């Protein structure tokens, strides 16, 4: 009977320094955000929860808008191409194409 460790999946079991750095940064930021949020909620009460919900909804809407932009005008470097595409269309006096 073979185990999962015996089978060659083609994956390496190694972490580089950059992987460890990102994991530690994520842990520190997550813990700090959790503790900081608790302190804010203790001082302000339910208003903090409402403000977090509003900020979260805003982030969701922005991400949906970016998704729509990526679907309407796919590009390899969209953050640099979308403003130029919009600028050219407004210079022509037309709306940007959806191709």
Protein backbone atom coordinates (compact mmCIF):
# COMPACT_ATOMS: atom_id res chain seq x y z
CA UNK A 1 0.00 0.00 0.00
CA UNK A 2 1.52 3.31 -1.06
CA UNK A 3 0.99 6.58 0.71
CA UNK A 4 0.68 10.05 -0.76
CA UNK A 5 4.30 10.76 0.22
CA UNK A 6 5.50 7.78 -1.83
CA UNK A 7 3.87 8.97 -5.04
CA UNK A 8 5.74 11.45 -7.23
CA UNK A 9 3.35 14.34 -7.93
CA UNK A 10 5.97 16.60 -9.50
CA UNK A 11 5.67 19.11 -6.67
CA UNK A 12 8.61 20.23 -4.58
CA UNK A 13 8.48 20.34 -0.81
CA UNK A 14 10.54 23.43 -0.23
CA UNK A 15 9.93 26.97 0.91
CA UNK A 16 12.17 29.80 -0.14
CA UNK A 17 12.94 32.87 1.93
CA UNK A 18 10.36 34.96 0.04
CA UNK A 19 7.65 32.40 0.85
CA UNK A 20 8.50 32.51 4.54
CA UNK A 21 8.53 36.32 4.45
CA UNK A 22 5.08 36.49 2.88
CA UNK A 23 3.66 33.96 5.34
CA UNK A 24 5.04 35.89 8.30
CA UNK A 25 3.79 39.23 6.94
CA UNK A 26 0.32 37.76 6.44
CA UNK A 27 0.29 36.43 9.99
CA UNK A 28 1.43 39.73 11.49
CA UNK A 29 -1.01 41.82 9.46
CA UNK A 30 -3.88 39.43 10.21
CA UNK A 31 -3.21 39.38 13.95
CA UNK A 32 -2.74 43.15 14.08
CA UNK A 33 -5.96 43.74 12.18
CA UNK A 34 -7.84 41.38 14.49
CA UNK A 35 -6.55 43.02 17.67
CA UNK A 36 -6.97 46.53 16.26
CA UNK A 37 -10.53 45.82 15.18
CA UNK A 38 -11.38 44.55 18.65
CA UNK A 39 -10.03 47.71 20.26
CA UNK A 40 -11.98 49.93 17.85
CA UNK A 41 -15.21 47.98 18.43
CA UNK A 42 -14.71 48.22 22.17
CA UNK A 43 -14.43 52.02 21.98
CA UNK A 44 -17.07 52.84 19.37
CA UNK A 45 -19.60 50.05 19.66
CA UNK A 46 -21.83 49.00 16.77
CA UNK A 47 -20.83 51.95 14.58
CA UNK A 48 -17.50 50.23 13.87
CA UNK A 49 -19.29 47.12 12.58
CA UNK A 50 -21.46 49.26 10.30
CA UNK A 51 -18.43 51.12 8.97
CA UNK A 52 -16.59 47.83 8.32
CA UNK A 53 -19.64 46.51 6.45
CA UNK A 54 -19.83 49.66 4.32
CA UNK A 55 -16.12 49.51 3.55
CA UNK A 56 -16.42 45.82 2.65
CA UNK A 57 -19.35 46.53 0.33
CA UNK A 58 -17.34 49.28 -1.35
CA UNK A 59 -14.43 46.89 -1.91
CA UNK A 60 -16.77 44.28 -3.39
CA UNK A 61 -18.27 46.84 -5.78
CA UNK A 62 -14.84 48.05 -6.89
CA UNK A 63 -13.69 44.49 -7.53
CA UNK A 64 -16.83 43.80 -9.59
CA UNK A 65 -16.18 46.94 -11.62
CA UNK A 66 -12.60 45.84 -12.28
CA UNK A 67 -13.90 42.44 -13.32
CA UNK A 68 -16.30 44.05 -15.77
CA UNK A 69 -13.49 46.16 -17.20
CA UNK A 70 -11.29 43.09 -17.61
CA UNK A 71 -14.09 41.23 -19.36
CA UNK A 72 -14.97 44.12 -21.66
CA UNK A 73 -11.39 44.90 -22.70
CA UNK A 74 -9.00 42.04 -21.92
CA UNK A 75 -5.31 42.96 -22.00
CA UNK A 76 -2.02 41.64 -20.67
CA UNK A 77 -1.34 44.84 -18.69
CA UNK A 78 -4.80 46.32 -18.12
CA UNK A 79 -3.84 48.88 -15.48
CA UNK A 80 -1.74 50.71 -18.08
CA UNK A 81 -3.99 50.15 -21.10
CA UNK A 82 -7.47 50.97 -19.77
CA UNK A 83 -6.82 54.69 -19.11
CA UNK A 84 -5.18 55.11 -22.54
CA UNK A 85 -8.07 53.28 -24.21
CA UNK A 86 -10.56 55.57 -22.48
CA UNK A 87 -8.51 58.66 -23.35
CA UNK A 88 -8.36 57.77 -27.07
CA UNK A 89 -12.11 57.15 -27.16
CA UNK A 90 -12.91 60.46 -25.51
CA UNK A 91 -10.57 62.27 -27.93
CA UNK A 92 -12.56 60.79 -30.82
CA UNK A 93 -15.81 61.80 -29.12
CA UNK A 94 -17.04 58.19 -28.93
CA UNK A 95 -17.55 55.60 -26.28
CA UNK A 96 -14.83 52.93 -25.84
CA UNK A 97 -15.48 49.82 -27.89
CA UNK A 98 -16.45 46.61 -26.14
CA UNK A 99 -14.26 44.37 -28.27
